[in-house]
Amino acid sequence: MLLIILGIIILVALIAVVMIYNGLIVTKNRVDNAWSQIDVQLRKRYDLVPNLVDTVKGYVKHEKEVLTEITKARASLMNADTIEKKSKADTQLTGALKTLFAVAENYPKLQANENFKLLQEQLEGIENKIAYSRQFYNDSVLDFNNKIQVFPNNLLAGMFNFTKKEYFEIGEEEARKNVKVKF
């Protein structure tokens, strides 16, 4: 009789371990998928930026510094290999694009250009998707980090080397400020 009770206890413990482990895997995969979605949107923006820059070049010939900053930020974003580096590069590119649109307001012919309007609308849509993807990613990271830190999950998480994930943060305090354009 004692062996039967011991067998049931071991079976229940084994089922609990499997359920916890599978839950951690599902949550980790959700974080990885959320990151992939951010990457897809960043890539779309990366591909759109050269068209935007080419459209603007003809109108803002003396604004080379803004266009150069966008090109540098775009390159940094694609060369970033960690979440922290991508976050910083994304902040740079976002700031550079804000500056570009602030500068563009001073060029009525550019504002009236249909191609510019279309690119601006596409970029706005992508920016909204990036913002949503960041939020979803950070929510997924929060869920995962919570799961690996609560008892008894933390015991299994440690045994199977589940580690905390990084949030996708803006990073620089400057990115939170309004863009100032000087002429």
C-alpha atoms as a PDB file:
ATOM      1  CA  MET A   1       0.000   0.000   0.000  1.00  0.00           C
ATOM      2  CA  LEU A   2       2.855   2.378   0.852  1.00  0.00           C
ATOM      3  CA  LEU A   3       4.426   1.720  -2.547  1.00  0.00           C
ATOM      4  CA  ILE A   4       1.170   2.631  -4.302  1.00  0.00           C
ATOM      5  CA  ILE A   5       0.912   5.929  -2.403  1.00  0.00           C
ATOM      6  CA  LEU A   6       4.594   6.661  -3.084  1.00  0.00           C
ATOM      7  CA  GLY A   7       4.062   5.831  -6.775  1.00  0.00           C
ATOM      8  CA  ILE A   8       1.073   8.204  -6.974  1.00  0.00           C
ATOM      9  CA  ILE A   9       3.065  10.997  -5.312  1.00  0.00           C
ATOM     10  CA  ILE A  10       5.962  10.508  -7.736  1.00  0.00           C
ATOM     11  CA  LEU A  11       3.552  10.428 -10.703  1.00  0.00           C
ATOM     12  CA  VAL A  12       1.846  13.655  -9.582  1.00  0.00           C
ATOM     13  CA  ALA A  13       5.238  15.327  -9.027  1.00  0.00           C
ATOM     14  CA  LEU A  14       6.412  14.201 -12.461  1.00  0.00           C
ATOM     15  CA  ILE A  15       3.257  15.538 -14.115  1.00  0.00           C
ATOM     16  CA  ALA A  16       3.717  18.872 -12.274  1.00  0.00           C
ATOM     17  CA  VAL A  17       7.349  19.078 -13.445  1.00  0.00           C
ATOM     18  CA  VAL A  18       6.350  18.381 -17.047  1.00  0.00           C
ATOM     19  CA  MET A  19       3.548  20.963 -16.914  1.00  0.00           C
ATOM     20  CA  ILE A  20       5.819  23.627 -15.428  1.00  0.00           C
ATOM     21  CA  TYR A  21       8.591  22.890 -17.940  1.00  0.00           C
ATOM     22  CA  ASN A  22       6.181  22.970 -20.890  1.00  0.00           C
ATOM     23  CA  GLY A  23       4.686  26.224 -19.612  1.00  0.00           C
ATOM     24  CA  LEU A  24       8.153  27.776 -19.450  1.00  0.00           C
ATOM     25  CA  ILE A  25       8.926  26.610 -22.990  1.00  0.00           C
ATOM     26  CA  VAL A  26       5.651  28.016 -24.344  1.00  0.00           C
ATOM     27  CA  THR A  27       6.281  31.360 -22.649  1.00  0.00           C
ATOM     28  CA  LYS A  28       9.906  31.484 -23.848  1.00  0.00           C
ATOM     29  CA  ASN A  29       8.742  30.762 -27.397  1.00  0.00           C
ATOM     30  CA  ARG A  30       6.175  33.562 -27.108  1.00  0.00           C
ATOM     31  CA  VAL A  31       8.991  35.970 -26.171  1.00  0.00           C
ATOM     32  CA  ASP A  32      11.085  34.771 -29.120  1.00  0.00           C
ATOM     33  CA  ASN A  33       8.132  35.184 -31.465  1.00  0.00           C
ATOM     34  CA  ALA A  34       7.408  38.672 -30.123  1.00  0.00           C
ATOM     35  CA  TRP A  35      11.027  39.648 -30.734  1.00  0.00           C
ATOM     36  CA  SER A  36      10.791  38.269 -34.247  1.00  0.00           C
ATOM     37  CA  GLN A  37       7.744  40.473 -34.878  1.00  0.00           C
ATOM     38  CA  ILE A  38       9.698  43.565 -33.777  1.00  0.00           C
ATOM     39  CA  ASP A  39      12.513  42.521 -36.085  1.00  0.00           C
ATOM     40  CA  VAL A  40      10.095  42.183 -39.022  1.00  0.00           C
ATOM     41  CA  GLN A  41       8.745  45.705 -38.470  1.00  0.00           C
ATOM     42  CA  LEU A  42      12.231  47.160 -38.011  1.00  0.00           C
ATOM     43  CA  ARG A  43      13.224  45.526 -41.290  1.00  0.00           C
ATOM     44  CA  LYS A  44      10.207  47.033 -43.063  1.00  0.00           C
ATOM     45  CA  ARG A  45      11.174  50.457 -41.770  1.00  0.00           C
ATOM     46  CA  TYR A  46      14.795  49.837 -42.736  1.00  0.00           C
ATOM     47  CA  ASP A  47      13.692  49.045 -46.296  1.00  0.00           C
ATOM     48  CA  LEU A  48      11.390  52.080 -46.485  1.00  0.00           C
ATOM     49  CA  VAL A  49      13.888  54.683 -45.233  1.00  0.00           C
ATOM     50  CA  PRO A  50      16.063  54.844 -48.401  1.00  0.00           C
ATOM     51  CA  ASN A  51      12.981  55.622 -50.513  1.00  0.00           C
ATOM     52  CA  LEU A  52      12.009  58.348 -48.088  1.00  0.00           C
ATOM     53  CA  VAL A  53      15.515  59.815 -48.065  1.00  0.00           C
ATOM     54  CA  ASP A  54      15.689  59.768 -51.881  1.00  0.00           C
ATOM     55  CA  THR A  55      12.347  61.565 -52.121  1.00  0.00           C
ATOM     56  CA  VAL A  56      13.421  64.216 -49.638  1.00  0.00           C
ATOM     57  CA  LYS A  57      16.924  64.764 -51.077  1.00  0.00           C
ATOM     58  CA  GLY A  58      15.743  66.815 -54.012  1.00  0.00           C
ATOM     59  CA  TYR A  59      13.841  69.231 -51.814  1.00  0.00           C
ATOM     60  CA  VAL A  60      16.142  69.696 -48.851  1.00  0.00           C
ATOM     61  CA  LYS A  61      19.557  69.978 -50.454  1.00  0.00           C
ATOM     62  CA  HIS A  62      21.028  72.025 -47.603  1.00  0.00           C
ATOM     63  CA  GLU A  63      19.781  69.599 -44.906  1.00  0.00           C
ATOM     64  CA  LYS A  64      22.526  67.021 -45.525  1.00  0.00           C
ATOM     65  CA  GLU A  65      23.159  66.575 -41.792  1.00  0.00           C
ATOM     66  CA  VAL A  66      19.636  65.219 -41.224  1.00  0.00           C
ATOM     67  CA  LEU A  67      19.914  62.786 -44.127  1.00  0.00           C
ATOM     68  CA  THR A  68      23.354  61.650 -43.000  1.00  0.00           C
ATOM     69  CA  GLU A  69      22.047  61.028 -39.469  1.00  0.00           C
ATOM     70  CA  ILE A  70      19.220  58.884 -40.844  1.00  0.00           C
ATOM     71  CA  THR A  71      21.641  56.852 -42.945  1.00  0.00           C
ATOM     72  CA  LYS A  72      23.947  56.271 -39.945  1.00  0.00           C
ATOM     73  CA  ALA A  73      21.062  55.326 -37.673  1.00  0.00           C
ATOM     74  CA  ARG A  74      19.691  52.924 -40.277  1.00  0.00           C
ATOM     75  CA  ALA A  75      23.071  51.208 -40.601  1.00  0.00           C
ATOM     76  CA  SER A  76      23.434  50.978 -36.814  1.00  0.00           C
ATOM     77  CA  LEU A  77      20.044  49.331 -36.526  1.00  0.00           C
ATOM     78  CA  MET A  78      20.843  46.601 -39.002  1.00  0.00           C
ATOM     79  CA  ASN A  79      24.289  45.954 -37.495  1.00  0.00           C
ATOM     80  CA  ALA A  80      22.960  45.675 -33.929  1.00  0.00           C
ATOM     81  CA  ASP A  81      23.174  42.141 -32.607  1.00  0.00           C
ATOM     82  CA  THR A  82      21.635  42.421 -29.135  1.00  0.00           C
ATOM     83  CA  ILE A  83      18.330  43.713 -27.852  1.00  0.00           C
ATOM     84  CA  GLU A  84      20.096  46.562 -26.072  1.00  0.00           C
ATOM     85  CA  LYS A  85      21.992  47.618 -29.208  1.00  0.00           C
ATOM     86  CA  LYS A  86      18.868  47.342 -31.368  1.00  0.00           C
ATOM     87  CA  SER A  87      16.962  49.408 -28.847  1.00  0.00           C
ATOM     88  CA  LYS A  88      19.582  52.167 -28.910  1.00  0.00           C
ATOM     89  CA  ALA A  89      19.799  52.115 -32.709  1.00  0.00           C
ATOM     90  CA  ASP A  90      16.009  52.149 -32.994  1.00  0.00           C
ATOM     91  CA  THR A  91      15.926  55.196 -30.737  1.00  0.00           C
ATOM     92  CA  GLN A  92      18.500  56.924 -32.958  1.00  0.00           C
ATOM     93  CA  LEU A  93      16.561  56.166 -36.127  1.00  0.00           C
ATOM     94  CA  THR A  94      13.260  57.240 -34.597  1.00  0.00           C
ATOM     95  CA  GLY A  95      14.813  60.545 -33.506  1.00  0.00           C
ATOM     96  CA  ALA A  96      16.381  61.109 -36.916  1.00  0.00           C
ATOM     97  CA  LEU A  97      13.072  60.447 -38.666  1.00  0.00           C
ATOM     98  CA  LYS A  98      11.260  62.837 -36.307  1.00  0.00           C
ATOM     99  CA  THR A  99      13.835  65.481 -37.201  1.00  0.00           C
ATOM    100  CA  LEU A 100      13.359  64.749 -40.905  1.00  0.00           C
ATOM    101  CA  PHE A 101       9.605  65.235 -40.674  1.00  0.00           C
ATOM    102  CA  ALA A 102      10.070  68.393 -38.623  1.00  0.00           C
ATOM    103  CA  VAL A 103      12.415  69.740 -41.320  1.00  0.00           C
ATOM    104  CA  ALA A 104      10.007  68.655 -44.069  1.00  0.00           C
ATOM    105  CA  GLU A 105       7.323  70.918 -42.600  1.00  0.00           C
ATOM    106  CA  ASN A 106       9.355  73.871 -43.869  1.00  0.00           C
ATOM    107  CA  TYR A 107       9.176  72.663 -47.474  1.00  0.00           C
ATOM    108  CA  PRO A 108       5.613  73.079 -48.809  1.00  0.00           C
ATOM    109  CA  LYS A 109       6.446  71.478 -52.163  1.00  0.00           C
ATOM    110  CA  LEU A 110       7.791  68.417 -50.380  1.00  0.00           C
ATOM    111  CA  GLN A 111       4.679  68.250 -48.206  1.00  0.00           C
ATOM    112  CA  ALA A 112       2.553  68.281 -51.373  1.00  0.00           C
ATOM    113  CA  ASN A 113       4.588  65.518 -53.070  1.00  0.00           C
ATOM    114  CA  GLU A 114       2.375  62.420 -53.370  1.00  0.00           C
ATOM    115  CA  ASN A 115       5.307  60.013 -53.066  1.00  0.00           C
ATOM    116  CA  PHE A 116       6.448  61.733 -49.866  1.00  0.00           C
ATOM    117  CA  LYS A 117       2.924  61.587 -48.448  1.00  0.00           C
ATOM    118  CA  LEU A 118       2.634  57.892 -49.276  1.00  0.00           C
ATOM    119  CA  LEU A 119       6.014  57.077 -47.749  1.00  0.00           C
ATOM    120  CA  GLN A 120       5.158  59.133 -44.674  1.00  0.00           C
ATOM    121  CA  GLU A 121       1.870  57.245 -44.247  1.00  0.00           C
ATOM    122  CA  GLN A 122       3.608  53.892 -44.685  1.00  0.00           C
ATOM    123  CA  LEU A 123       6.249  54.870 -42.166  1.00  0.00           C
ATOM    124  CA  GLU A 124       3.604  56.010 -39.711  1.00  0.00           C
ATOM    125  CA  GLY A 125       1.867  52.647 -40.056  1.00  0.00           C
ATOM    126  CA  ILE A 126       5.122  50.796 -39.503  1.00  0.00           C
ATOM    127  CA  GLU A 127       5.936  52.967 -36.466  1.00  0.00           C
ATOM    128  CA  ASN A 128       2.544  52.086 -34.978  1.00  0.00           C
ATOM    129  CA  LYS A 129       3.197  48.390 -35.586  1.00  0.00           C
ATOM    130  CA  ILE A 130       6.649  48.701 -34.020  1.00  0.00           C
ATOM    131  CA  ALA A 131       5.130  50.366 -30.955  1.00  0.00           C
ATOM    132  CA  TYR A 132       2.543  47.594 -30.658  1.00  0.00           C
ATOM    133  CA  SER A 133       5.194  44.914 -31.203  1.00  0.00           C
ATOM    134  CA  ARG A 134       7.411  46.459 -28.522  1.00  0.00           C
ATOM    135  CA  GLN A 135       4.512  46.470 -26.101  1.00  0.00           C
ATOM    136  CA  PHE A 136       3.644  42.846 -26.896  1.00  0.00           C
ATOM    137  CA  TYR A 137       7.295  41.835 -26.572  1.00  0.00           C
ATOM    138  CA  ASN A 138       7.682  43.592 -23.221  1.00  0.00           C
ATOM    139  CA  ASP A 139       4.427  42.028 -21.968  1.00  0.00           C
ATOM    140  CA  SER A 140       5.714  38.614 -23.055  1.00  0.00           C
ATOM    141  CA  VAL A 141       9.050  39.249 -21.326  1.00  0.00           C
ATOM    142  CA  LEU A 142       7.221  40.271 -18.146  1.00  0.00           C
ATOM    143  CA  ASP A 143       5.177  37.066 -18.240  1.00  0.00           C
ATOM    144  CA  PHE A 144       8.270  34.932 -18.867  1.00  0.00           C
ATOM    145  CA  ASN A 145      10.368  36.648 -16.195  1.00  0.00           C
ATOM    146  CA  ASN A 146       7.528  36.250 -13.691  1.00  0.00           C
ATOM    147  CA  LYS A 147       7.182  32.557 -14.517  1.00  0.00           C
ATOM    148  CA  ILE A 148      10.861  31.800 -14.013  1.00  0.00           C
ATOM    149  CA  GLN A 149      10.982  33.683 -10.707  1.00  0.00           C
ATOM    150  CA  VAL A 150       7.940  32.271  -8.877  1.00  0.00           C
ATOM    151  CA  PHE A 151       8.017  29.149  -6.750  1.00  0.00           C
ATOM    152  CA  PRO A 152       8.161  26.261  -7.723  1.00  0.00           C
ATOM    153  CA  ASN A 153       8.910  27.306 -11.319  1.00  0.00           C
ATOM    154  CA  ASN A 154      12.148  28.974 -10.204  1.00  0.00           C
ATOM    155  CA  LEU A 155      13.537  25.587  -9.159  1.00  0.00           C
ATOM    156  CA  LEU A 156      13.010  24.111 -12.613  1.00  0.00           C
ATOM    157  CA  ALA A 157      13.980  27.319 -14.404  1.00  0.00           C
ATOM    158  CA  GLY A 158      17.343  27.231 -12.649  1.00  0.00           C
ATOM    159  CA  MET A 159      17.886  23.560 -13.438  1.00  0.00           C
ATOM    160  CA  PHE A 160      17.120  24.077 -17.131  1.00  0.00           C
ATOM    161  CA  ASN A 161      19.027  27.375 -17.457  1.00  0.00           C
ATOM    162  CA  PHE A 162      16.063  29.640 -18.163  1.00  0.00           C
ATOM    163  CA  THR A 163      17.315  33.180 -17.627  1.00  0.00           C
ATOM    164  CA  LYS A 164      15.632  36.554 -17.479  1.00  0.00           C
ATOM    165  CA  LYS A 165      14.985  38.285 -20.788  1.00  0.00           C
ATOM    166  CA  GLU A 166      15.732  41.941 -21.481  1.00  0.00           C
ATOM    167  CA  TYR A 167      12.976  44.461 -22.095  1.00  0.00           C
ATOM    168  CA  PHE A 168      12.995  46.499 -25.290  1.00  0.00           C
ATOM    169  CA  GLU A 169      13.455  49.966 -23.842  1.00  0.00           C
ATOM    170  CA  ILE A 170      13.867  53.381 -25.368  1.00  0.00           C
ATOM    171  CA  GLY A 171      17.181  53.697 -23.585  1.00  0.00           C
ATOM    172  CA  GLU A 172      18.183  57.303 -24.019  1.00  0.00           C
ATOM    173  CA  GLU A 173      16.507  60.086 -22.098  1.00  0.00           C
ATOM    174  CA  GLU A 174      16.978  62.296 -25.174  1.00  0.00           C
ATOM    175  CA  ALA A 175      14.599  60.106 -27.153  1.00  0.00           C
ATOM    176  CA  ARG A 176      11.798  61.039 -24.772  1.00  0.00           C
ATOM    177  CA  LYS A 177      12.155  64.756 -25.459  1.00  0.00           C
ATOM    178  CA  ASN A 178      10.568  66.784 -28.253  1.00  0.00           C
ATOM    179  CA  VAL A 179      12.593  67.247 -31.408  1.00  0.00           C
ATOM    180  CA  LYS A 180      14.094  70.696 -31.808  1.00  0.00           C
ATOM    181  CA  VAL A 181      15.052  71.818 -35.275  1.00  0.00           C
ATOM    182  CA  LYS A 182      17.462  74.705 -35.676  1.00  0.00           C
ATOM    183  CA  PHE A 183      17.796  76.732 -38.869  1.00  0.00           C
END
